[in-house]
Amino acid sequence: MSGEKDREKRGKLVHAVTTGVFLIGLAILFYLDAFWPWILALVGVFIILEALLKPK
Protein backbone atom coordinates (compact mmCIF):
# COMPACT_ATOMS: atom_id res chain seq x y z
CA MET A 1 0.00 0.00 0.00
CA SER A 2 2.76 2.43 0.88
CA GLY A 3 4.56 1.63 -2.39
CA GLU A 4 1.48 2.61 -4.36
CA LYS A 5 1.25 5.96 -2.54
CA ASP A 6 4.95 6.63 -3.14
CA ARG A 7 4.51 5.87 -6.84
CA GLU A 8 1.53 8.22 -7.00
CA LYS A 9 3.48 11.01 -5.27
CA ARG A 10 6.42 10.54 -7.63
CA GLY A 11 4.07 10.60 -10.62
CA LYS A 12 2.62 13.92 -9.48
CA LEU A 13 6.11 15.34 -8.93
CA VAL A 14 7.26 14.21 -12.38
CA HIS A 15 4.19 15.76 -13.97
CA ALA A 16 4.76 19.04 -12.12
CA VAL A 17 8.43 19.19 -13.16
CA THR A 18 7.76 18.40 -16.81
CA THR A 19 4.94 20.94 -16.91
CA GLY A 20 7.33 23.53 -15.50
CA VAL A 21 9.90 22.69 -18.17
CA PHE A 22 7.22 23.04 -20.83
CA LEU A 23 6.09 26.44 -19.56
CA ILE A 24 9.65 27.74 -19.33
CA GLY A 25 10.31 26.50 -22.86
CA LEU A 26 7.12 28.18 -24.06
CA ALA A 27 8.20 31.46 -22.47
CA ILE A 28 11.59 31.21 -24.19
CA LEU A 29 9.91 30.60 -27.54
CA PHE A 30 7.74 33.68 -27.13
CA TYR A 31 10.72 35.75 -26.02
CA LEU A 32 12.80 34.70 -29.03
CA ASP A 33 9.81 35.07 -31.38
CA ALA A 34 10.57 31.65 -32.85
CA PHE A 35 7.27 30.02 -32.07
CA TRP A 36 6.07 27.94 -34.99
CA PRO A 37 8.66 25.35 -35.88
CA TRP A 38 10.10 25.07 -32.38
CA ILE A 39 6.81 24.42 -30.59
CA LEU A 40 6.84 20.95 -32.16
CA ALA A 41 10.29 20.24 -30.71
CA LEU A 42 9.15 21.53 -27.32
CA VAL A 43 6.11 19.24 -27.32
CA GLY A 44 8.36 16.32 -28.31
CA VAL A 45 10.76 17.04 -25.46
CA PHE A 46 7.80 17.29 -23.07
CA ILE A 47 6.43 13.92 -24.15
CA ILE A 48 9.84 12.22 -23.97
CA LEU A 49 10.57 13.62 -20.49
CA GLU A 50 7.17 12.55 -19.23
CA ALA A 51 7.66 9.03 -20.57
CA LEU A 52 11.22 8.61 -19.27
CA LEU A 53 10.52 9.93 -15.78
CA LYS A 54 7.13 8.27 -15.31
CA PRO A 55 7.18 5.84 -12.37
CA LYS A 56 6.78 2.21 -13.34
PDB file of N, CA and C in Angstrom:
ATOM      1  N   MET A   1       0.821  -1.187   0.000  1.00  0.00           N
ATOM      2  CA  MET A   1       0.000   0.000   0.000  1.00  0.00           C
ATOM      3  C   MET A   1       0.866   1.252   0.000  1.00  0.00           C
ATOM      4  N   SER A   2       1.892   1.258   0.809  1.00  0.00           N
ATOM      5  CA  SER A   2       2.764   2.429   0.880  1.00  0.00           C
ATOM      6  C   SER A   2       3.516   2.632  -0.436  1.00  0.00           C
ATOM      7  N   GLY A   3       3.880   1.532  -1.101  1.00  0.00           N
ATOM      8  CA  GLY A   3       4.565   1.633  -2.393  1.00  0.00           C
ATOM      9  C   GLY A   3       3.699   2.294  -3.441  1.00  0.00           C
ATOM     10  N   GLU A   4       2.415   2.012  -3.398  1.00  0.00           N
ATOM     11  CA  GLU A   4       1.481   2.612  -4.358  1.00  0.00           C
ATOM     12  C   GLU A   4       1.352   4.120  -4.125  1.00  0.00           C
ATOM     13  N   LYS A   5       1.333   4.528  -2.863  1.00  0.00           N
ATOM     14  CA  LYS A   5       1.246   5.956  -2.543  1.00  0.00           C
ATOM     15  C   LYS A   5       2.525   6.678  -2.959  1.00  0.00           C
ATOM     16  N   ASP A   6       3.675   6.036  -2.731  1.00  0.00           N
ATOM     17  CA  ASP A   6       4.947   6.635  -3.142  1.00  0.00           C
ATOM     18  C   ASP A   6       5.006   6.805  -4.654  1.00  0.00           C
ATOM     19  N   ARG A   7       4.520   5.806  -5.376  1.00  0.00           N
ATOM     20  CA  ARG A   7       4.510   5.872  -6.835  1.00  0.00           C
ATOM     21  C   ARG A   7       3.595   6.991  -7.311  1.00  0.00           C
ATOM     22  N   GLU A   8       2.460   7.162  -6.632  1.00  0.00           N
ATOM     23  CA  GLU A   8       1.528   8.224  -6.998  1.00  0.00           C
ATOM     24  C   GLU A   8       2.137   9.603  -6.729  1.00  0.00           C
ATOM     25  N   LYS A   9       2.823   9.745  -5.593  1.00  0.00           N
ATOM     26  CA  LYS A   9       3.484  11.012  -5.269  1.00  0.00           C
ATOM     27  C   LYS A   9       4.576  11.332  -6.278  1.00  0.00           C
ATOM     28  N   ARG A  10       5.359  10.312  -6.652  1.00  0.00           N
ATOM     29  CA  ARG A  10       6.423  10.535  -7.631  1.00  0.00           C
ATOM     30  C   ARG A  10       5.834  10.900  -8.985  1.00  0.00           C
ATOM     31  N   GLY A  11       4.729  10.279  -9.354  1.00  0.00           N
ATOM     32  CA  GLY A  11       4.068  10.597 -10.616  1.00  0.00           C
ATOM     33  C   GLY A  11       3.604  12.043 -10.655  1.00  0.00           C
ATOM     34  N   LYS A  12       3.062  12.522  -9.546  1.00  0.00           N
ATOM     35  CA  LYS A  12       2.622  13.923  -9.478  1.00  0.00           C
ATOM     36  C   LYS A  12       3.807  14.868  -9.560  1.00  0.00           C
ATOM     37  N   LEU A  13       4.902  14.508  -8.895  1.00  0.00           N
ATOM     38  CA  LEU A  13       6.107  15.335  -8.933  1.00  0.00           C
ATOM     39  C   LEU A  13       6.678  15.397 -10.344  1.00  0.00           C
ATOM     40  N   VAL A  14       6.744  14.253 -11.006  1.00  0.00           N
ATOM     41  CA  VAL A  14       7.259  14.210 -12.382  1.00  0.00           C
ATOM     42  C   VAL A  14       6.395  15.066 -13.294  1.00  0.00           C
ATOM     43  N   HIS A  15       5.093  14.974 -13.136  1.00  0.00           N
ATOM     44  CA  HIS A  15       4.195  15.756 -13.975  1.00  0.00           C
ATOM     45  C   HIS A  15       4.375  17.254 -13.717  1.00  0.00           C
ATOM     46  N   ALA A  16       4.553  17.630 -12.463  1.00  0.00           N
ATOM     47  CA  ALA A  16       4.763  19.041 -12.123  1.00  0.00           C
ATOM     48  C   ALA A  16       6.070  19.563 -12.716  1.00  0.00           C
ATOM     49  N   VAL A  17       7.122  18.769 -12.631  1.00  0.00           N
ATOM     50  CA  VAL A  17       8.427  19.194 -13.162  1.00  0.00           C
ATOM     51  C   VAL A  17       8.378  19.317 -14.676  1.00  0.00           C
ATOM     52  N   THR A  18       7.806  18.333 -15.347  1.00  0.00           N
ATOM     53  CA  THR A  18       7.758  18.399 -16.808  1.00  0.00           C
ATOM     54  C   THR A  18       6.853  19.535 -17.287  1.00  0.00           C
ATOM     55  N   THR A  19       5.796  19.809 -16.556  1.00  0.00           N
ATOM     56  CA  THR A  19       4.942  20.945 -16.906  1.00  0.00           C
ATOM     57  C   THR A  19       5.704  22.249 -16.741  1.00  0.00           C
ATOM     58  N   GLY A  20       6.491  22.347 -15.695  1.00  0.00           N
ATOM     59  CA  GLY A  20       7.330  23.533 -15.500  1.00  0.00           C
ATOM     60  C   GLY A  20       8.329  23.713 -16.623  1.00  0.00           C
ATOM     61  N   VAL A  21       8.954  22.628 -17.047  1.00  0.00           N
ATOM     62  CA  VAL A  21       9.902  22.687 -18.166  1.00  0.00           C
ATOM     63  C   VAL A  21       9.185  23.149 -19.430  1.00  0.00           C
ATOM     64  N   PHE A  22       7.987  22.638 -19.647  1.00  0.00           N
ATOM     65  CA  PHE A  22       7.223  23.035 -20.827  1.00  0.00           C
ATOM     66  C   PHE A  22       6.893  24.530 -20.799  1.00  0.00           C
ATOM     67  N   LEU A  23       6.454  25.028 -19.650  1.00  0.00           N
ATOM     68  CA  LEU A  23       6.089  26.440 -19.559  1.00  0.00           C
ATOM     69  C   LEU A  23       7.300  27.354 -19.715  1.00  0.00           C
ATOM     70  N   ILE A  24       8.427  26.954 -19.150  1.00  0.00           N
ATOM     71  CA  ILE A  24       9.654  27.737 -19.328  1.00  0.00           C
ATOM     72  C   ILE A  24      10.066  27.735 -20.795  1.00  0.00           C
ATOM     73  N   GLY A  25       9.988  26.578 -21.434  1.00  0.00           N
ATOM     74  CA  GLY A  25      10.307  26.501 -22.865  1.00  0.00           C
ATOM     75  C   GLY A  25       9.363  27.349 -23.699  1.00  0.00           C
ATOM     76  N   LEU A  26       8.105  27.359 -23.350  1.00  0.00           N
ATOM     77  CA  LEU A  26       7.122  28.177 -24.059  1.00  0.00           C
ATOM     78  C   LEU A  26       7.441  29.661 -23.901  1.00  0.00           C
ATOM     79  N   ALA A  27       7.824  30.062 -22.701  1.00  0.00           N
ATOM     80  CA  ALA A  27       8.199  31.461 -22.470  1.00  0.00           C
ATOM     81  C   ALA A  27       9.423  31.840 -23.296  1.00  0.00           C
ATOM     82  N   ILE A  28      10.386  30.944 -23.385  1.00  0.00           N
ATOM     83  CA  ILE A  28      11.589  31.210 -24.188  1.00  0.00           C
ATOM     84  C   ILE A  28      11.222  31.358 -25.653  1.00  0.00           C
ATOM     85  N   LEU A  29      10.326  30.507 -26.134  1.00  0.00           N
ATOM     86  CA  LEU A  29       9.915  30.601 -27.542  1.00  0.00           C
ATOM     87  C   LEU A  29       9.233  31.929 -27.833  1.00  0.00           C
ATOM     88  N   PHE A  30       8.391  32.384 -26.933  1.00  0.00           N
ATOM     89  CA  PHE A  30       7.738  33.675 -27.132  1.00  0.00           C
ATOM     90  C   PHE A  30       8.750  34.816 -27.070  1.00  0.00           C
ATOM     91  N   TYR A  31       9.708  34.711 -26.159  1.00  0.00           N
ATOM     92  CA  TYR A  31      10.721  35.752 -26.018  1.00  0.00           C
ATOM     93  C   TYR A  31      11.582  35.858 -27.279  1.00  0.00           C
ATOM     94  N   LEU A  32      11.947  34.713 -27.839  1.00  0.00           N
ATOM     95  CA  LEU A  32      12.802  34.700 -29.033  1.00  0.00           C
ATOM     96  C   LEU A  32      12.014  34.905 -30.323  1.00  0.00           C
ATOM     97  N   ASP A  33      10.697  34.917 -30.218  1.00  0.00           N
ATOM     98  CA  ASP A  33       9.808  35.069 -31.379  1.00  0.00           C
ATOM     99  C   ASP A  33      10.092  34.000 -32.435  1.00  0.00           C
ATOM    100  N   ALA A  34      10.297  32.786 -31.965  1.00  0.00           N
ATOM    101  CA  ALA A  34      10.567  31.647 -32.848  1.00  0.00           C
ATOM    102  C   ALA A  34       9.564  30.552 -32.518  1.00  0.00           C
ATOM    103  N   PHE A  35       8.295  30.911 -32.583  1.00  0.00           N
ATOM    104  CA  PHE A  35       7.268  30.017 -32.066  1.00  0.00           C
ATOM    105  C   PHE A  35       7.005  28.807 -32.942  1.00  0.00           C
ATOM    106  N   TRP A  36       6.661  29.035 -34.219  1.00  0.00           N
ATOM    107  CA  TRP A  36       6.073  27.939 -34.989  1.00  0.00           C
ATOM    108  C   TRP A  36       6.917  26.687 -35.117  1.00  0.00           C
ATOM    109  N   PRO A  37       8.061  26.677 -35.703  1.00  0.00           N
ATOM    110  CA  PRO A  37       8.658  25.352 -35.881  1.00  0.00           C
ATOM    111  C   PRO A  37       9.141  24.742 -34.569  1.00  0.00           C
ATOM    112  N   TRP A  38       9.499  25.577 -33.609  1.00  0.00           N
ATOM    113  CA  TRP A  38      10.098  25.068 -32.378  1.00  0.00           C
ATOM    114  C   TRP A  38       9.078  24.572 -31.364  1.00  0.00           C
ATOM    115  N   ILE A  39       7.823  24.929 -31.516  1.00  0.00           N
ATOM    116  CA  ILE A  39       6.814  24.416 -30.593  1.00  0.00           C
ATOM    117  C   ILE A  39       6.691  22.896 -30.732  1.00  0.00           C
ATOM    118  N   LEU A  40       6.910  22.401 -31.942  1.00  0.00           N
ATOM    119  CA  LEU A  40       6.842  20.949 -32.161  1.00  0.00           C
ATOM    120  C   LEU A  40       7.973  20.241 -31.419  1.00  0.00           C
ATOM    121  N   ALA A  41       9.165  20.822 -31.448  1.00  0.00           N
ATOM    122  CA  ALA A  41      10.293  20.243 -30.710  1.00  0.00           C
ATOM    123  C   ALA A  41      10.034  20.293 -29.211  1.00  0.00           C
ATOM    124  N   LEU A  42       9.457  21.386 -28.747  1.00  0.00           N
ATOM    125  CA  LEU A  42       9.154  21.525 -27.319  1.00  0.00           C
ATOM    126  C   LEU A  42       8.133  20.481 -26.878  1.00  0.00           C
ATOM    127  N   VAL A  43       7.115  20.263 -27.656  1.00  0.00           N
ATOM    128  CA  VAL A  43       6.114  19.241 -27.323  1.00  0.00           C
ATOM    129  C   VAL A  43       6.767  17.855 -27.323  1.00  0.00           C
ATOM    130  N   GLY A  44       7.646  17.604 -28.268  1.00  0.00           N
ATOM    131  CA  GLY A  44       8.360  16.325 -28.315  1.00  0.00           C
ATOM    132  C   GLY A  44       9.217  16.100 -27.083  1.00  0.00           C
ATOM    133  N   VAL A  45       9.938  17.139 -26.665  1.00  0.00           N
ATOM    134  CA  VAL A  45      10.763  17.038 -25.461  1.00  0.00           C
ATOM    135  C   VAL A  45       9.878  16.790 -24.239  1.00  0.00           C
ATOM    136  N   PHE A  46       8.746  17.471 -24.179  1.00  0.00           N
ATOM    137  CA  PHE A  46       7.803  17.292 -23.074  1.00  0.00           C
ATOM    138  C   PHE A  46       7.315  15.849 -23.005  1.00  0.00           C
ATOM    139  N   ILE A  47       6.944  15.293 -24.119  1.00  0.00           N
ATOM    140  CA  ILE A  47       6.431  13.917 -24.149  1.00  0.00           C
ATOM    141  C   ILE A  47       7.525  12.921 -23.773  1.00  0.00           C
ATOM    142  N   ILE A  48       8.733  13.127 -24.281  1.00  0.00           N
ATOM    143  CA  ILE A  48       9.837  12.219 -23.973  1.00  0.00           C
ATOM    144  C   ILE A  48      10.192  12.277 -22.487  1.00  0.00           C
ATOM    145  N   LEU A  49      10.277  13.493 -21.928  1.00  0.00           N
ATOM    146  CA  LEU A  49      10.575  13.619 -20.495  1.00  0.00           C
ATOM    147  C   LEU A  49       9.510  12.949 -19.645  1.00  0.00           C
ATOM    148  N   GLU A  50       8.281  13.153 -19.986  1.00  0.00           N
ATOM    149  CA  GLU A  50       7.171  12.554 -19.228  1.00  0.00           C
ATOM    150  C   GLU A  50       7.267  11.025 -19.274  1.00  0.00           C
ATOM    151  N   ALA A  51       7.589  10.479 -20.435  1.00  0.00           N
ATOM    152  CA  ALA A  51       7.664   9.026 -20.572  1.00  0.00           C
ATOM    153  C   ALA A  51       8.878   8.441 -19.845  1.00  0.00           C
ATOM    154  N   LEU A  52      10.006   9.124 -19.907  1.00  0.00           N
ATOM    155  CA  LEU A  52      11.218   8.611 -19.269  1.00  0.00           C
ATOM    156  C   LEU A  52      11.157   8.690 -17.749  1.00  0.00           C
ATOM    157  N   LEU A  53      10.535   9.729 -17.222  1.00  0.00           N
ATOM    158  CA  LEU A  53      10.522   9.935 -15.777  1.00  0.00           C
ATOM    159  C   LEU A  53       9.298   9.326 -15.093  1.00  0.00           C
ATOM    160  N   LYS A  54       8.358   8.829 -15.864  1.00  0.00           N
ATOM    161  CA  LYS A  54       7.128   8.272 -15.306  1.00  0.00           C
ATOM    162  C   LYS A  54       7.455   7.050 -14.444  1.00  0.00           C
ATOM    163  N   PRO A  55       6.899   6.998 -13.229  1.00  0.00           N
ATOM    164  CA  PRO A  55       7.176   5.835 -12.366  1.00  0.00           C
ATOM    165  C   PRO A  55       6.550   4.563 -12.945  1.00  0.00           C
ATOM    166  N   LYS A  56       7.251   3.487 -12.770  1.00  0.00           N
ATOM    167  CA  LYS A  56       6.780   2.215 -13.342  1.00  0.00           C
ATOM    168  C   LYS A  56       6.018   1.413 -12.326  1.00  0.00           C
TER     169      LYS A  56
END
